[in-house]
Amino acid sequence: MSGICQMETEKKYWSNGNLRIEGNLIDGKEAGIWTYYYQSGQVEQVINYKDGEPLSLKTYCEDGQLLEEGQFNEVTGKKDGRWTHYYDCGLLKMEENFNDGRKEGFTRIYHLSGKLYYEGYYNDGRFGYGKCFDENGDNIKCDERVYN
């Protein structure tokens, strides 16, 4: 009987009866879309899996606003490609790029107003250079935390 997959749906619930986790298992490994919920019933995370490894992720605030989205390397499971982060109010907060878990290319962080706060360049996970800007677009000294 080799070659036959065992598929089952997994559901777990909060103590209040609301759904906590819902997804499919194939041969005991997460497969396809898995949805994780807050106790209130709102979606917290949606992760797409293949053979138990995450391919993509979306994280939401309890009010439904998107907080973060990105993809993973199918082979290594590390962050890969563009990752986008949002403020609680849904405005763009940060864009960063990864190559197999290491920052690669430009990372940009935005003020709540939507104006650019930081732009930095990374090569193979190593910081290359960066600049910070105030709300008027004038160059300012960066806080050390933005480089990490």
N, C-alpha and C. Protein backbone atom coordinates (compact mmCIF):
# COMPACT_ATOMS: atom_id res chain seq x y z
N MET A 1 0.82 -1.20 0.00
CA MET A 1 0.00 0.00 0.00
C MET A 1 0.86 1.25 0.00
N SER A 2 2.09 1.17 -0.46
CA SER A 2 2.92 2.37 -0.50
C SER A 2 2.36 3.34 -1.53
N GLY A 3 2.63 4.64 -1.30
CA GLY A 3 2.15 5.66 -2.21
C GLY A 3 0.77 6.20 -1.84
N ILE A 4 0.12 5.62 -0.85
CA ILE A 4 -1.18 6.10 -0.40
C ILE A 4 -0.97 7.05 0.77
N CYS A 5 -1.50 8.25 0.64
CA CYS A 5 -1.34 9.27 1.68
C CYS A 5 -2.47 9.18 2.69
N GLN A 6 -2.12 9.42 3.93
CA GLN A 6 -3.10 9.51 5.01
C GLN A 6 -3.41 10.98 5.21
N MET A 7 -4.65 11.40 4.94
CA MET A 7 -5.04 12.79 5.14
C MET A 7 -6.08 12.88 6.24
N GLU A 8 -5.86 13.84 7.13
CA GLU A 8 -6.84 14.08 8.19
C GLU A 8 -6.92 15.57 8.47
N THR A 9 -8.08 15.99 8.94
CA THR A 9 -8.29 17.38 9.32
C THR A 9 -8.12 17.50 10.82
N GLU A 10 -7.36 18.50 11.23
CA GLU A 10 -7.16 18.72 12.66
C GLU A 10 -7.84 20.01 13.07
N LYS A 11 -8.60 19.93 14.15
CA LYS A 11 -9.25 21.11 14.72
C LYS A 11 -9.04 21.07 16.22
N LYS A 12 -8.65 22.21 16.76
CA LYS A 12 -8.52 22.36 18.21
C LYS A 12 -9.34 23.57 18.62
N TYR A 13 -9.84 23.55 19.86
CA TYR A 13 -10.75 24.59 20.31
C TYR A 13 -10.26 25.25 21.59
N TRP A 14 -10.62 26.52 21.74
CA TRP A 14 -10.38 27.23 23.00
C TRP A 14 -11.37 26.72 24.04
N SER A 15 -11.12 27.01 25.30
CA SER A 15 -12.02 26.55 26.37
C SER A 15 -13.41 27.17 26.24
N ASN A 16 -13.53 28.31 25.53
CA ASN A 16 -14.84 28.94 25.35
C ASN A 16 -15.61 28.32 24.18
N GLY A 17 -15.03 27.31 23.54
CA GLY A 17 -15.69 26.62 22.44
C GLY A 17 -15.34 27.14 21.06
N ASN A 18 -14.68 28.29 20.99
CA ASN A 18 -14.28 28.84 19.69
C ASN A 18 -13.11 28.04 19.11
N LEU A 19 -13.08 27.99 17.80
CA LEU A 19 -12.01 27.31 17.09
C LEU A 19 -10.67 27.99 17.37
N ARG A 20 -9.64 27.20 17.66
CA ARG A 20 -8.29 27.73 17.94
C ARG A 20 -7.35 27.47 16.78
N ILE A 21 -7.39 26.25 16.20
CA ILE A 21 -6.52 25.85 15.10
C ILE A 21 -7.32 24.96 14.16
N GLU A 22 -7.08 25.15 12.86
CA GLU A 22 -7.74 24.32 11.87
C GLU A 22 -6.80 24.12 10.69
N GLY A 23 -6.60 22.85 10.30
CA GLY A 23 -5.74 22.58 9.16
C GLY A 23 -5.73 21.10 8.82
N ASN A 24 -5.03 20.77 7.75
CA ASN A 24 -4.94 19.38 7.30
C ASN A 24 -3.56 18.81 7.56
N LEU A 25 -3.54 17.53 7.83
CA LEU A 25 -2.31 16.77 7.97
C LEU A 25 -2.27 15.72 6.86
N ILE A 26 -1.14 15.60 6.21
CA ILE A 26 -0.92 14.51 5.26
C ILE A 26 0.27 13.72 5.77
N ASP A 27 0.02 12.46 6.06
CA ASP A 27 1.04 11.59 6.65
C ASP A 27 1.65 12.23 7.90
N GLY A 28 0.80 12.88 8.72
CA GLY A 28 1.22 13.45 9.99
C GLY A 28 1.91 14.81 9.89
N LYS A 29 2.00 15.38 8.70
CA LYS A 29 2.66 16.67 8.51
C LYS A 29 1.64 17.71 8.04
N GLU A 30 1.82 18.96 8.54
CA GLU A 30 0.94 20.04 8.11
C GLU A 30 1.01 20.18 6.59
N ALA A 31 -0.16 20.40 5.98
CA ALA A 31 -0.24 20.56 4.53
C ALA A 31 -1.35 21.55 4.18
N GLY A 32 -1.05 22.43 3.26
CA GLY A 32 -2.04 23.41 2.85
C GLY A 32 -2.21 24.52 3.88
N ILE A 33 -3.38 25.13 3.86
CA ILE A 33 -3.66 26.29 4.70
C ILE A 33 -4.03 25.84 6.12
N TRP A 34 -3.31 26.41 7.08
CA TRP A 34 -3.64 26.25 8.49
C TRP A 34 -4.04 27.63 9.02
N THR A 35 -5.14 27.66 9.76
CA THR A 35 -5.64 28.92 10.30
C THR A 35 -5.62 28.84 11.82
N TYR A 36 -5.06 29.87 12.43
CA TYR A 36 -4.97 29.99 13.89
C TYR A 36 -5.84 31.16 14.31
N TYR A 37 -6.60 30.99 15.38
CA TYR A 37 -7.58 31.98 15.78
C TYR A 37 -7.30 32.53 17.18
N TYR A 38 -7.68 33.79 17.39
CA TYR A 38 -7.73 34.36 18.74
C TYR A 38 -8.91 33.73 19.47
N GLN A 39 -8.93 33.84 20.80
CA GLN A 39 -10.05 33.31 21.58
C GLN A 39 -11.38 33.92 21.16
N SER A 40 -11.32 35.15 20.64
CA SER A 40 -12.54 35.84 20.21
C SER A 40 -13.14 35.23 18.95
N GLY A 41 -12.36 34.41 18.24
CA GLY A 41 -12.83 33.82 17.00
C GLY A 41 -12.25 34.49 15.76
N GLN A 42 -11.60 35.64 15.94
CA GLN A 42 -10.96 36.32 14.81
C GLN A 42 -9.70 35.57 14.39
N VAL A 43 -9.37 35.65 13.11
CA VAL A 43 -8.17 34.99 12.60
C VAL A 43 -6.92 35.71 13.12
N GLU A 44 -5.97 34.92 13.64
CA GLU A 44 -4.70 35.46 14.11
C GLU A 44 -3.59 35.24 13.08
N GLN A 45 -3.50 34.03 12.53
CA GLN A 45 -2.48 33.70 11.55
C GLN A 45 -3.03 32.73 10.52
N VAL A 46 -2.51 32.87 9.31
CA VAL A 46 -2.78 31.91 8.25
C VAL A 46 -1.42 31.50 7.70
N ILE A 47 -1.14 30.20 7.78
CA ILE A 47 0.14 29.68 7.31
C ILE A 47 -0.13 28.60 6.28
N ASN A 48 0.56 28.71 5.16
CA ASN A 48 0.47 27.69 4.12
C ASN A 48 1.66 26.74 4.27
N TYR A 49 1.37 25.45 4.42
CA TYR A 49 2.41 24.45 4.65
C TYR A 49 2.53 23.49 3.46
N LYS A 50 3.72 22.94 3.31
CA LYS A 50 3.95 21.83 2.39
C LYS A 50 4.89 20.87 3.09
N ASP A 51 4.48 19.64 3.24
CA ASP A 51 5.29 18.61 3.92
C ASP A 51 5.76 19.06 5.30
N GLY A 52 4.90 19.78 6.02
CA GLY A 52 5.22 20.20 7.39
C GLY A 52 6.07 21.45 7.48
N GLU A 53 6.47 22.02 6.36
CA GLU A 53 7.29 23.24 6.35
C GLU A 53 6.46 24.42 5.88
N PRO A 54 6.59 25.57 6.56
CA PRO A 54 5.80 26.74 6.14
C PRO A 54 6.29 27.30 4.81
N LEU A 55 5.35 27.70 3.96
CA LEU A 55 5.67 28.35 2.68
C LEU A 55 5.37 29.84 2.74
N SER A 56 4.31 30.21 3.46
CA SER A 56 3.94 31.61 3.59
C SER A 56 3.19 31.82 4.90
N LEU A 57 3.17 33.09 5.34
CA LEU A 57 2.54 33.43 6.61
C LEU A 57 1.87 34.78 6.50
N LYS A 58 0.70 34.91 7.12
CA LYS A 58 0.03 36.19 7.31
C LYS A 58 -0.40 36.23 8.77
N THR A 59 -0.09 37.35 9.44
CA THR A 59 -0.48 37.54 10.83
C THR A 59 -1.39 38.76 10.92
N TYR A 60 -2.45 38.65 11.71
CA TYR A 60 -3.46 39.69 11.81
C TYR A 60 -3.62 40.17 13.25
N CYS A 61 -4.01 41.44 13.41
CA CYS A 61 -4.44 41.96 14.72
C CYS A 61 -5.80 41.35 15.03
N GLU A 62 -6.20 41.44 16.26
CA GLU A 62 -7.49 40.87 16.63
C GLU A 62 -8.65 41.60 15.96
N ASP A 63 -8.42 42.84 15.51
CA ASP A 63 -9.47 43.57 14.81
C ASP A 63 -9.51 43.26 13.31
N GLY A 64 -8.63 42.35 12.85
CA GLY A 64 -8.63 41.93 11.47
C GLY A 64 -7.62 42.62 10.57
N GLN A 65 -6.93 43.65 11.09
CA GLN A 65 -5.92 44.34 10.30
C GLN A 65 -4.70 43.43 10.08
N LEU A 66 -4.17 43.45 8.88
CA LEU A 66 -2.97 42.67 8.57
C LEU A 66 -1.77 43.29 9.27
N LEU A 67 -0.98 42.46 9.98
CA LEU A 67 0.22 42.91 10.69
C LEU A 67 1.50 42.56 9.95
N GLU A 68 1.53 41.38 9.32
CA GLU A 68 2.77 40.89 8.73
C GLU A 68 2.43 39.86 7.66
N GLU A 69 3.25 39.86 6.59
CA GLU A 69 3.10 38.80 5.60
C GLU A 69 4.44 38.55 4.93
N GLY A 70 4.66 37.28 4.60
CA GLY A 70 5.91 36.93 3.94
C GLY A 70 5.92 35.47 3.55
N GLN A 71 7.05 35.09 2.94
CA GLN A 71 7.22 33.72 2.45
C GLN A 71 8.46 33.09 3.05
N PHE A 72 8.51 31.77 2.94
CA PHE A 72 9.64 31.00 3.42
C PHE A 72 10.26 30.22 2.27
N ASN A 73 11.55 29.94 2.39
CA ASN A 73 12.24 29.11 1.41
C ASN A 73 11.69 27.70 1.54
N GLU A 74 11.27 27.13 0.43
CA GLU A 74 10.63 25.81 0.45
C GLU A 74 11.56 24.71 0.92
N VAL A 75 12.85 24.87 0.70
CA VAL A 75 13.82 23.84 1.08
C VAL A 75 14.29 24.01 2.53
N THR A 76 14.67 25.24 2.91
CA THR A 76 15.26 25.46 4.23
C THR A 76 14.27 25.90 5.30
N GLY A 77 13.11 26.41 4.87
CA GLY A 77 12.12 26.88 5.83
C GLY A 77 12.42 28.25 6.41
N LYS A 78 13.45 28.91 5.90
CA LYS A 78 13.82 30.24 6.41
C LYS A 78 13.12 31.33 5.60
N LYS A 79 13.02 32.54 6.20
CA LYS A 79 12.41 33.66 5.50
C LYS A 79 13.07 33.85 4.15
N ASP A 80 12.22 34.14 3.15
CA ASP A 80 12.73 34.28 1.79
C ASP A 80 11.84 35.27 1.04
N GLY A 81 12.45 36.13 0.25
CA GLY A 81 11.67 37.09 -0.52
C GLY A 81 11.26 38.28 0.33
N ARG A 82 10.21 38.95 -0.11
CA ARG A 82 9.77 40.18 0.53
C ARG A 82 8.88 39.89 1.74
N TRP A 83 9.18 40.54 2.85
CA TRP A 83 8.35 40.51 4.05
C TRP A 83 7.85 41.92 4.30
N THR A 84 6.58 42.04 4.60
CA THR A 84 5.95 43.33 4.81
C THR A 84 5.30 43.34 6.18
N HIS A 85 5.51 44.44 6.92
CA HIS A 85 4.95 44.60 8.26
C HIS A 85 4.10 45.87 8.27
N TYR A 86 3.03 45.85 9.07
CA TYR A 86 2.10 46.96 9.13
C TYR A 86 1.91 47.42 10.57
N TYR A 87 1.61 48.71 10.73
CA TYR A 87 1.19 49.22 12.04
C TYR A 87 -0.19 48.64 12.35
N ASP A 88 -0.59 48.68 13.63
CA ASP A 88 -1.90 48.16 14.04
C ASP A 88 -3.05 48.78 13.25
N CYS A 89 -2.86 49.98 12.77
CA CYS A 89 -3.92 50.67 12.04
C CYS A 89 -3.94 50.29 10.55
N GLY A 90 -3.05 49.38 10.13
CA GLY A 90 -3.06 48.91 8.77
C GLY A 90 -2.11 49.63 7.83
N LEU A 91 -1.46 50.70 8.30
CA LEU A 91 -0.52 51.43 7.46
C LEU A 91 0.81 50.70 7.37
N LEU A 92 1.49 50.86 6.24
CA LEU A 92 2.78 50.20 6.01
C LEU A 92 3.81 50.67 7.03
N LYS A 93 4.46 49.70 7.68
CA LYS A 93 5.49 49.98 8.69
C LYS A 93 6.88 49.66 8.16
N MET A 94 7.05 48.48 7.53
CA MET A 94 8.38 48.06 7.11
C MET A 94 8.29 47.07 5.95
N GLU A 95 9.27 47.19 5.05
CA GLU A 95 9.45 46.23 3.96
C GLU A 95 10.89 45.74 4.06
N GLU A 96 11.07 44.44 4.02
CA GLU A 96 12.42 43.89 4.06
C GLU A 96 12.48 42.68 3.16
N ASN A 97 13.67 42.40 2.67
CA ASN A 97 13.88 41.29 1.75
C ASN A 97 14.86 40.29 2.35
N PHE A 98 14.59 39.02 2.10
CA PHE A 98 15.43 37.95 2.63
C PHE A 98 15.83 37.00 1.53
N ASN A 99 16.98 36.40 1.71
CA ASN A 99 17.43 35.31 0.86
C ASN A 99 17.86 34.19 1.80
N ASP A 100 17.05 33.16 1.88
CA ASP A 100 17.33 32.01 2.75
C ASP A 100 17.63 32.42 4.19
N GLY A 101 16.79 33.33 4.73
CA GLY A 101 16.89 33.73 6.13
C GLY A 101 17.81 34.90 6.42
N ARG A 102 18.55 35.35 5.43
CA ARG A 102 19.46 36.49 5.61
C ARG A 102 18.90 37.71 4.89
N LYS A 103 18.98 38.89 5.57
CA LYS A 103 18.53 40.11 4.90
C LYS A 103 19.33 40.32 3.63
N GLU A 104 18.62 40.74 2.59
CA GLU A 104 19.26 40.92 1.29
C GLU A 104 18.58 42.09 0.58
N GLY A 105 19.36 43.04 0.16
CA GLY A 105 18.80 44.19 -0.55
C GLY A 105 18.29 45.25 0.41
N PHE A 106 17.30 46.00 -0.03
CA PHE A 106 16.82 47.14 0.76
C PHE A 106 15.83 46.74 1.83
N THR A 107 15.96 47.40 2.98
CA THR A 107 14.98 47.37 4.05
C THR A 107 14.51 48.81 4.23
N ARG A 108 13.20 48.98 4.30
CA ARG A 108 12.65 50.33 4.47
C ARG A 108 11.67 50.32 5.64
N ILE A 109 11.78 51.35 6.49
CA ILE A 109 10.87 51.53 7.62
C ILE A 109 10.20 52.89 7.44
N TYR A 110 8.90 52.94 7.74
CA TYR A 110 8.13 54.16 7.50
C TYR A 110 7.58 54.75 8.78
N HIS A 111 7.49 56.08 8.81
CA HIS A 111 6.77 56.79 9.88
C HIS A 111 5.29 56.44 9.76
N LEU A 112 4.53 56.66 10.82
CA LEU A 112 3.08 56.45 10.77
C LEU A 112 2.42 57.27 9.67
N SER A 113 3.04 58.39 9.33
CA SER A 113 2.51 59.26 8.27
C SER A 113 2.66 58.64 6.89
N GLY A 114 3.47 57.57 6.79
CA GLY A 114 3.73 56.94 5.50
C GLY A 114 5.03 57.41 4.86
N LYS A 115 5.65 58.42 5.46
CA LYS A 115 6.92 58.91 4.92
C LYS A 115 8.07 58.02 5.37
N LEU A 116 9.09 57.93 4.54
CA LEU A 116 10.24 57.06 4.81
C LEU A 116 11.00 57.52 6.05
N TYR A 117 11.25 56.58 6.97
CA TYR A 117 12.06 56.85 8.16
C TYR A 117 13.47 56.29 7.98
N TYR A 118 13.58 55.08 7.45
CA TYR A 118 14.88 54.42 7.33
C TYR A 118 14.95 53.66 6.02
N GLU A 119 16.11 53.73 5.40
CA GLU A 119 16.40 52.90 4.24
C GLU A 119 17.79 52.35 4.41
N GLY A 120 17.90 51.05 4.41
CA GLY A 120 19.19 50.40 4.58
C GLY A 120 19.39 49.32 3.54
N TYR A 121 20.63 49.02 3.28
CA TYR A 121 20.97 48.00 2.30
C TYR A 121 21.76 46.89 3.00
N TYR A 122 21.39 45.65 2.70
CA TYR A 122 22.02 44.47 3.27
C TYR A 122 22.48 43.55 2.16
N ASN A 123 23.64 42.92 2.38
CA ASN A 123 24.17 41.96 1.43
C ASN A 123 24.54 40.69 2.18
N ASP A 124 23.86 39.58 1.83
CA ASP A 124 24.11 38.29 2.48
C ASP A 124 24.00 38.38 4.00
N GLY A 125 23.02 39.16 4.47
CA GLY A 125 22.76 39.29 5.89
C GLY A 125 23.62 40.32 6.60
N ARG A 126 24.57 40.92 5.90
CA ARG A 126 25.44 41.91 6.52
C ARG A 126 24.98 43.32 6.15
N PHE A 127 25.00 44.18 7.14
CA PHE A 127 24.60 45.57 6.93
C PHE A 127 25.59 46.26 6.02
N GLY A 128 25.11 46.97 5.02
CA GLY A 128 25.96 47.71 4.10
C GLY A 128 25.96 49.19 4.45
N TYR A 129 24.80 49.82 4.36
CA TYR A 129 24.67 51.22 4.72
C TYR A 129 23.21 51.51 5.03
N GLY A 130 22.98 52.63 5.69
CA GLY A 130 21.61 53.03 6.00
C GLY A 130 21.51 54.51 6.28
N LYS A 131 20.32 55.03 6.06
CA LYS A 131 20.04 56.44 6.32
C LYS A 131 18.69 56.54 7.01
N CYS A 132 18.57 57.54 7.88
CA CYS A 132 17.29 57.80 8.54
C CYS A 132 16.83 59.20 8.19
N PHE A 133 15.52 59.39 8.22
CA PHE A 133 14.92 60.65 7.82
C PHE A 133 13.83 61.06 8.81
N ASP A 134 13.71 62.37 9.03
CA ASP A 134 12.60 62.85 9.85
C ASP A 134 11.36 62.98 8.98
N GLU A 135 10.28 63.47 9.56
CA GLU A 135 9.01 63.59 8.84
C GLU A 135 9.10 64.52 7.63
N ASN A 136 10.07 65.44 7.65
CA ASN A 136 10.24 66.38 6.54
C ASN A 136 11.15 65.84 5.45
N GLY A 137 11.71 64.64 5.65
CA GLY A 137 12.60 64.05 4.67
C GLY A 137 14.06 64.43 4.87
N ASP A 138 14.35 65.15 5.96
CA ASP A 138 15.73 65.54 6.25
C ASP A 138 16.48 64.38 6.89
N ASN A 139 17.74 64.21 6.51
CA ASN A 139 18.59 63.15 7.04
C ASN A 139 18.85 63.38 8.52
N ILE A 140 18.66 62.36 9.35
CA ILE A 140 18.91 62.43 10.79
C ILE A 140 19.76 61.23 11.21
N LYS A 141 20.28 61.30 12.44
CA LYS A 141 21.06 60.18 12.98
C LYS A 141 20.12 59.01 13.28
N CYS A 142 20.55 57.81 12.87
CA CYS A 142 19.74 56.62 13.10
C CYS A 142 19.94 56.07 14.51
N ASP A 143 18.88 55.52 15.05
CA ASP A 143 18.93 54.76 16.29
C ASP A 143 19.60 53.44 15.96
N GLU A 144 20.53 52.97 16.77
CA GLU A 144 21.26 51.72 16.51
C GLU A 144 20.35 50.53 16.26
N ARG A 145 19.16 50.51 16.82
CA ARG A 145 18.26 49.36 16.71
C ARG A 145 17.78 49.13 15.27
N VAL A 146 17.79 50.16 14.43
CA VAL A 146 17.25 49.97 13.08
C VAL A 146 18.18 49.12 12.22
N TYR A 147 19.43 48.98 12.60
CA TYR A 147 20.37 48.22 11.77
C TYR A 147 20.23 46.71 11.93
N ASN A 148 19.56 46.26 12.96
CA ASN A 148 19.46 44.82 13.23
C ASN A 148 18.21 44.23 12.67
